[in-house]
Protein backbone atom coordinates (compact mmCIF):
# COMPACT_ATOMS: atom_id res chain seq x y z
CA MET A 1 -8.39 63.67 114.42
CA SER A 2 -11.09 61.66 112.70
CA SER A 3 -13.74 62.80 110.23
CA TYR A 4 -17.16 61.14 110.46
CA LEU A 5 -19.90 60.98 107.82
CA VAL A 6 -23.06 59.56 109.37
CA ASP A 7 -25.67 57.47 107.56
CA SER A 8 -28.42 58.83 109.79
CA SER A 9 -31.36 56.68 108.69
CA VAL A 10 -29.61 53.44 109.63
CA TYR A 11 -29.36 54.56 113.24
CA ILE A 12 -32.69 56.37 113.46
CA PHE A 13 -34.52 53.25 112.31
CA ARG A 14 -32.42 51.05 114.57
CA TYR A 15 -33.50 53.00 117.64
CA TYR A 16 -37.06 53.38 116.37
CA PHE A 17 -37.51 49.62 116.29
CA ALA A 18 -35.20 48.63 119.15
CA LEU A 19 -36.15 51.01 121.97
CA PRO A 20 -39.43 50.98 123.92
CA PRO A 21 -41.63 54.09 123.62
CA ASN A 22 -40.53 55.50 126.97
CA TRP A 23 -40.19 59.09 125.76
CA GLN A 24 -42.84 61.45 124.40
CA SER A 25 -42.76 64.98 123.01
CA ARG A 26 -44.89 67.78 124.36
CA SER A 27 -47.00 67.45 121.23
CA GLY A 28 -47.77 63.84 122.08
CA TYR A 29 -45.50 61.92 119.69
CA ASP A 30 -43.31 59.05 120.88
CA THR A 31 -39.63 59.96 120.62
CA GLU A 32 -37.61 56.81 121.30
CA ALA A 33 -35.69 57.23 118.02
CA VAL A 34 -34.88 60.85 118.92
CA TYR A 35 -33.54 59.73 122.28
CA GLY A 36 -31.41 56.94 120.82
CA PHE A 37 -30.11 59.01 117.91
CA THR A 38 -29.25 62.02 120.09
CA ASN A 39 -27.43 59.81 122.60
CA PHE A 40 -25.52 58.22 119.70
CA LEU A 41 -24.49 61.62 118.31
CA VAL A 42 -23.30 62.80 121.73
CA ASP A 43 -21.11 59.68 121.99
CA LEU A 44 -19.69 60.40 118.52
CA LEU A 45 -18.97 64.02 119.36
CA ALA A 46 -17.27 63.00 122.60
CA ARG A 47 -14.53 61.56 120.36
CA ASN A 48 -13.82 65.14 119.24
CA PRO A 49 -13.88 64.67 115.44
CA ARG A 50 -12.35 67.29 113.19
CA HIS A 51 -15.23 67.03 110.69
CA ILE A 52 -18.69 65.54 111.08
CA ALA A 53 -21.83 65.55 108.95
CA CYS A 54 -25.14 63.71 108.88
CA ALA A 55 -26.99 62.63 105.73
CA PHE A 56 -30.76 62.23 105.96
CA ASP A 57 -33.15 60.58 103.49
CA GLU A 58 -36.04 62.59 102.09
CA SER A 59 -36.16 61.08 98.60
CA LEU A 60 -38.25 57.92 99.06
CA GLY A 61 -40.42 57.74 95.94
CA SER A 62 -38.96 60.93 94.44
CA CYS A 63 -35.34 59.92 93.87
CA PHE A 64 -33.88 60.21 90.38
CA ARG A 65 -33.58 56.41 90.42
CA ASN A 66 -37.39 56.15 90.42
CA THR A 67 -37.32 57.94 87.07
CA LEU A 68 -34.94 55.31 85.73
CA TYR A 69 -36.82 52.41 87.32
CA PRO A 70 -40.27 53.12 88.84
CA ASP A 71 -40.12 50.01 91.04
CA TYR A 72 -36.97 51.16 92.79
CA LYS A 73 -37.56 50.71 96.55
CA CYS A 74 -41.23 50.07 95.80
CA SER A 75 -41.53 47.68 98.75
CA ARG A 76 -40.63 50.40 101.27
CA ALA A 77 -43.52 52.21 102.88
CA LEU A 78 -43.43 55.97 103.26
CA PRO A 79 -43.01 57.13 106.88
CA ASP A 80 -46.27 57.72 108.69
CA GLU A 81 -46.88 60.97 110.56
CA ALA A 82 -45.40 59.68 113.82
CA LEU A 83 -42.18 58.47 112.21
CA ALA A 84 -41.91 61.59 110.06
CA PHE A 85 -42.03 63.65 113.26
CA GLN A 86 -39.13 61.69 114.73
CA LEU A 87 -37.06 61.93 111.55
CA ALA A 88 -37.45 65.72 111.51
CA ALA A 89 -36.73 65.93 115.24
CA CYS A 90 -33.51 63.93 114.82
CA ARG A 91 -32.25 66.42 112.26
CA GLU A 92 -33.12 69.34 114.55
CA MET A 93 -31.11 67.75 117.34
CA ALA A 94 -28.15 67.08 115.05
CA GLU A 95 -28.03 70.71 113.95
CA ALA A 96 -28.35 71.96 117.54
CA LEU A 97 -25.33 69.80 118.37
CA GLY A 98 -23.28 71.64 115.75
CA ILE A 99 -23.39 68.90 113.10
CA ALA A 100 -23.75 69.85 109.42
CA SER A 101 -26.84 68.08 108.09
CA PHE A 102 -27.90 67.38 104.51
CA SER A 103 -30.89 65.95 102.67
CA SER A 104 -32.41 66.05 99.19
CA GLU A 105 -35.69 65.13 97.52
CA ARG A 106 -33.81 64.06 94.37
CA TYR A 107 -30.77 62.29 95.78
CA GLU A 108 -30.52 59.67 98.49
CA ALA A 109 -28.51 59.89 101.68
CA ASP A 110 -26.02 57.45 100.13
CA ASP A 111 -25.39 59.89 97.26
CA ILE A 112 -24.94 62.71 99.76
CA LEU A 113 -22.41 60.59 101.65
CA ALA A 114 -20.59 59.87 98.38
CA SER A 115 -20.42 63.59 97.59
CA LEU A 116 -19.24 64.43 101.11
CA THR A 117 -16.61 61.69 100.86
CA ARG A 118 -15.32 63.26 97.67
CA LYS A 119 -15.18 66.63 99.42
CA LEU A 120 -13.28 65.16 102.40
CA ARG A 121 -11.16 62.64 100.50
CA ASN A 122 -7.93 64.24 101.71
CA HIS A 123 -9.07 63.58 105.30
CA ALA A 124 -9.92 59.86 104.77
CA PRO A 125 -13.38 60.09 106.38
CA ILE A 126 -14.96 57.23 108.29
CA ILE A 127 -18.44 56.30 107.04
CA VAL A 128 -20.57 55.59 110.10
CA SER A 129 -22.93 52.93 108.75
CA ARG A 130 -23.45 49.22 108.31
CA ASP A 131 -24.89 49.52 104.78
CA LYS A 132 -22.98 47.31 102.33
CA ASP A 133 -23.82 49.62 99.41
CA LEU A 134 -21.50 52.20 100.95
CA GLY A 135 -18.54 49.84 100.63
CA GLN A 136 -17.91 51.43 97.22
CA LEU A 137 -16.88 54.63 99.03
CA LEU A 138 -13.71 52.87 100.23
CA ALA A 139 -12.53 53.18 96.64
CA ARG A 140 -13.31 56.90 96.66
CA GLY A 141 -11.37 58.14 99.65
CA ALA A 142 -13.15 56.78 102.73
CA SER A 143 -10.96 54.87 105.17
CA SER A 144 -13.54 52.47 106.59
CA LEU A 145 -17.16 51.65 107.24
CA TRP A 146 -17.85 51.79 110.95
CA ASP A 147 -20.80 49.90 112.39
CA PHE A 148 -21.01 51.98 115.55
CA ALA A 149 -23.36 49.66 117.45
CA ALA A 150 -21.07 46.67 116.94
CA ASN A 151 -17.91 48.83 117.07
CA GLN A 152 -16.73 47.07 113.92
CA HIS A 153 -14.65 48.77 111.24
CA MET A 154 -14.43 47.37 107.71
CA ASP A 155 -11.62 48.58 105.49
CA SER A 156 -11.04 47.65 101.84
CA VAL A 157 -9.45 44.32 102.78
CA ALA A 158 -12.39 43.40 105.01
CA ILE A 159 -14.91 44.31 102.27
CA GLU A 160 -13.09 42.10 99.79
CA GLN A 161 -12.96 39.24 102.28
CA LYS A 162 -16.69 39.54 102.97
CA PHE A 163 -18.00 39.93 99.42
CA GLY A 164 -15.18 38.52 97.31
CA VAL A 165 -14.94 41.74 95.27
CA LYS A 166 -13.07 45.01 95.55
CA PRO A 167 -14.85 48.10 96.92
CA ALA A 168 -14.85 49.64 93.43
CA GLN A 169 -16.84 46.60 92.23
CA ILE A 170 -19.63 46.72 94.82
CA ALA A 171 -22.11 48.31 92.41
CA ASP A 172 -21.26 45.69 89.77
CA TYR A 173 -21.69 42.95 92.36
CA LEU A 174 -25.11 44.27 93.40
CA ALA A 175 -26.15 44.58 89.76
CA LEU A 176 -25.35 40.91 89.19
CA VAL A 177 -26.91 39.45 92.34
CA GLY A 178 -29.64 42.04 92.82
CA ASP A 179 -30.46 43.91 96.00
CA SER A 180 -33.82 42.98 97.50
CA SER A 181 -33.64 45.78 100.09
CA ASP A 182 -33.72 48.34 97.24
CA ASP A 183 -35.81 46.23 94.84
CA ILE A 184 -32.97 46.13 92.33
CA PRO A 185 -33.28 43.06 90.08
CA GLY A 186 -30.25 40.87 89.49
CA VAL A 187 -29.51 38.34 86.76
CA PRO A 188 -31.45 35.10 87.38
CA GLY A 189 -29.17 32.27 88.40
CA ILE A 190 -26.29 34.47 89.53
CA GLY A 191 -25.62 34.34 93.25
CA ALA A 192 -22.90 35.79 95.44
CA LYS A 193 -20.21 33.22 94.63
CA THR A 194 -20.78 33.33 90.87
CA ALA A 195 -20.79 37.14 90.88
CA ALA A 196 -17.50 37.18 92.77
CA ARG A 197 -15.98 34.69 90.33
CA LEU A 198 -17.06 36.77 87.36
CA LEU A 199 -15.75 40.01 88.85
CA GLY A 200 -12.48 38.26 89.62
CA GLU A 201 -12.11 37.81 85.85
CA PHE A 202 -13.65 41.06 84.64
CA ASP A 203 -13.21 44.54 86.10
CA ASP A 204 -16.82 45.56 85.80
CA VAL A 205 -20.21 44.84 84.22
CA GLU A 206 -19.30 46.55 80.93
CA ALA A 207 -16.14 44.45 80.52
CA LEU A 208 -18.15 41.35 81.35
CA LEU A 209 -20.83 42.11 78.75
CA ALA A 210 -18.24 43.06 76.13
CA GLN A 211 -16.50 39.69 76.53
CA ARG A 212 -19.43 37.36 77.15
CA GLU A 213 -17.88 34.67 74.96
CA ARG A 214 -15.07 34.31 77.50
CA VAL A 215 -17.58 33.35 80.17
CA THR A 216 -18.19 30.01 78.42
CA THR A 217 -14.52 29.09 78.94
CA LEU A 218 -14.48 29.78 82.68
CA PRO A 219 -14.48 26.87 85.15
CA ILE A 220 -17.95 27.82 86.41
CA ARG A 221 -20.80 25.35 86.51
CA GLY A 222 -23.29 26.08 83.72
CA ALA A 223 -20.96 28.62 82.10
CA LYS A 224 -22.60 28.34 78.68
CA GLY A 225 -26.07 29.03 80.05
CA LEU A 226 -24.65 31.83 82.16
CA ALA A 227 -23.26 33.57 79.07
CA GLN A 228 -26.67 33.30 77.43
CA ARG A 229 -28.41 34.84 80.45
CA LEU A 230 -25.93 37.71 80.50
CA GLU A 231 -26.85 38.46 76.89
CA GLU A 232 -30.58 38.12 77.59
CA TYR A 233 -30.47 40.38 80.63
CA SER A 234 -27.79 42.81 79.45
CA ASP A 235 -30.08 45.87 79.46
CA GLN A 236 -31.39 45.02 82.92
CA LEU A 237 -27.84 44.51 84.16
CA ARG A 238 -26.74 47.92 82.90
CA LEU A 239 -29.78 49.52 84.51
CA ALA A 240 -29.10 47.75 87.81
CA LYS A 241 -25.52 49.03 87.75
CA ARG A 242 -26.79 52.61 87.36
CA LEU A 243 -29.23 52.11 90.24
CA ALA A 244 -26.55 50.67 92.53
CA SER A 245 -23.87 53.26 91.70
CA LEU A 246 -23.62 56.25 94.03
CA MET A 247 -23.57 59.80 92.68
CA GLU A 248 -20.67 61.85 94.02
CA ASP A 249 -21.18 65.17 92.30
CA ILE A 250 -24.29 66.52 94.05
CA PRO A 251 -24.06 70.34 94.06
CA LEU A 252 -24.04 70.80 97.84
CA GLY A 253 -22.44 74.23 97.60
CA ILE A 254 -20.10 73.72 100.56
CA LYS A 255 -16.42 73.96 101.43
CA VAL A 256 -14.46 71.52 103.57
CA SER A 257 -14.48 74.10 106.35
CA ASP A 258 -18.30 73.92 106.41
CA LEU A 259 -17.99 70.34 107.63
CA ARG A 260 -15.90 71.23 110.66
CA ARG A 261 -17.46 70.35 113.97
CA GLN A 262 -19.24 73.42 115.30
CA PRO A 263 -19.90 74.44 118.93
CA VAL A 264 -23.00 73.00 120.56
CA ASP A 265 -25.88 75.46 120.87
CA VAL A 266 -26.50 74.33 124.43
CA ASP A 267 -29.55 76.52 124.97
CA LEU A 268 -31.22 75.27 121.81
CA ALA A 269 -30.17 71.65 122.41
CA THR A 270 -31.56 71.80 125.96
CA ALA A 271 -34.80 73.40 124.80
CA LEU A 272 -35.26 70.81 122.06
CA ALA A 273 -34.46 67.95 124.44
CA LYS A 274 -37.23 69.16 126.75
CA GLU A 275 -39.60 69.69 123.80
CA PHE A 276 -38.96 66.15 122.59
CA GLY A 277 -39.30 64.60 126.05
CA ILE A 278 -35.65 63.59 126.30
CA GLY A 279 -34.60 66.22 128.83
CA GLY A 280 -32.61 63.60 130.70
CA LEU A 281 -29.97 63.92 127.95
CA ALA A 282 -29.49 67.65 128.56
CA GLY A 283 -27.09 66.96 131.41
CA LYS A 284 -25.10 64.51 129.29
CA ILE A 285 -24.89 67.01 126.45
CA GLU A 286 -23.49 69.69 128.73
CA ARG A 287 -21.26 67.35 130.72
CA THR A 288 -19.84 65.46 127.74
CA LEU A 289 -19.63 68.16 125.13
CA VAL A 290 -19.87 71.69 126.44
CA SER A 291 -17.61 71.48 129.47
CA ALA A 292 -14.82 69.82 127.47
CA GLU A 293 -15.53 71.49 124.16
CA GLY A 294 -12.64 72.98 122.29
CA GLU A 295 -12.09 73.99 118.72
CA PRO A 296 -10.92 70.85 116.83
CA THR A 297 -7.45 71.27 115.41
């Protein structure tokens, strides 16, 4: 049986922007993201996973990475009241469906997923996400990244084919090219192909910086200038590597057994569905999950 670790924000935001505001809570908030996310979780649970957990983001602006680099994710706006309501409602629904849920004001959801992957490494968990940053977890015990909407799995071979680097080098790759979605600066003049070429020669950023003189001998256009830029931006490159690297030792205080799929609290799930204006899913929850529910083995 499979083990799923869900990058919740990816899917909450997908439904928030993709679905029309056809659902509304009793308190007057639109709940299209709650509808889409709950429906998605029910479909996941219908596959009867052995373990399942959701990671939620609560650290925008307060993450430890903002201490290292104040401009980290500076281009992302904080959720307004309406979106914050839906984010909290999605977590309530996940917990009512028997799914262990985690968040932190200091660590990001990606760090939580890394820590959960370490905890479940003997079960080769599937990371349910389409976030390339999480590709590094394939070097830490995860079996694949699963883009649920596209039903596309990416294993270590697929990651290497897509980015030209090994999963263990994803953070080094992002440090070299930068990551505009997280406002992580890269090294000017280094794009995806050059980064892949460099990481094909050097295991990581530290090895690259320690042997900069070798860069001038590589068959890369402008190799001499490239070596000079690596020296000029060495501190920034090391910082970017720290920003892009996922923490896997968050003190979550859990055992593997805590991540086992739990029974659905059908009364609570039904009550919440009605509260959030998505009562039409109550029948699907009972039909899909409760009637066929058994203790995963």
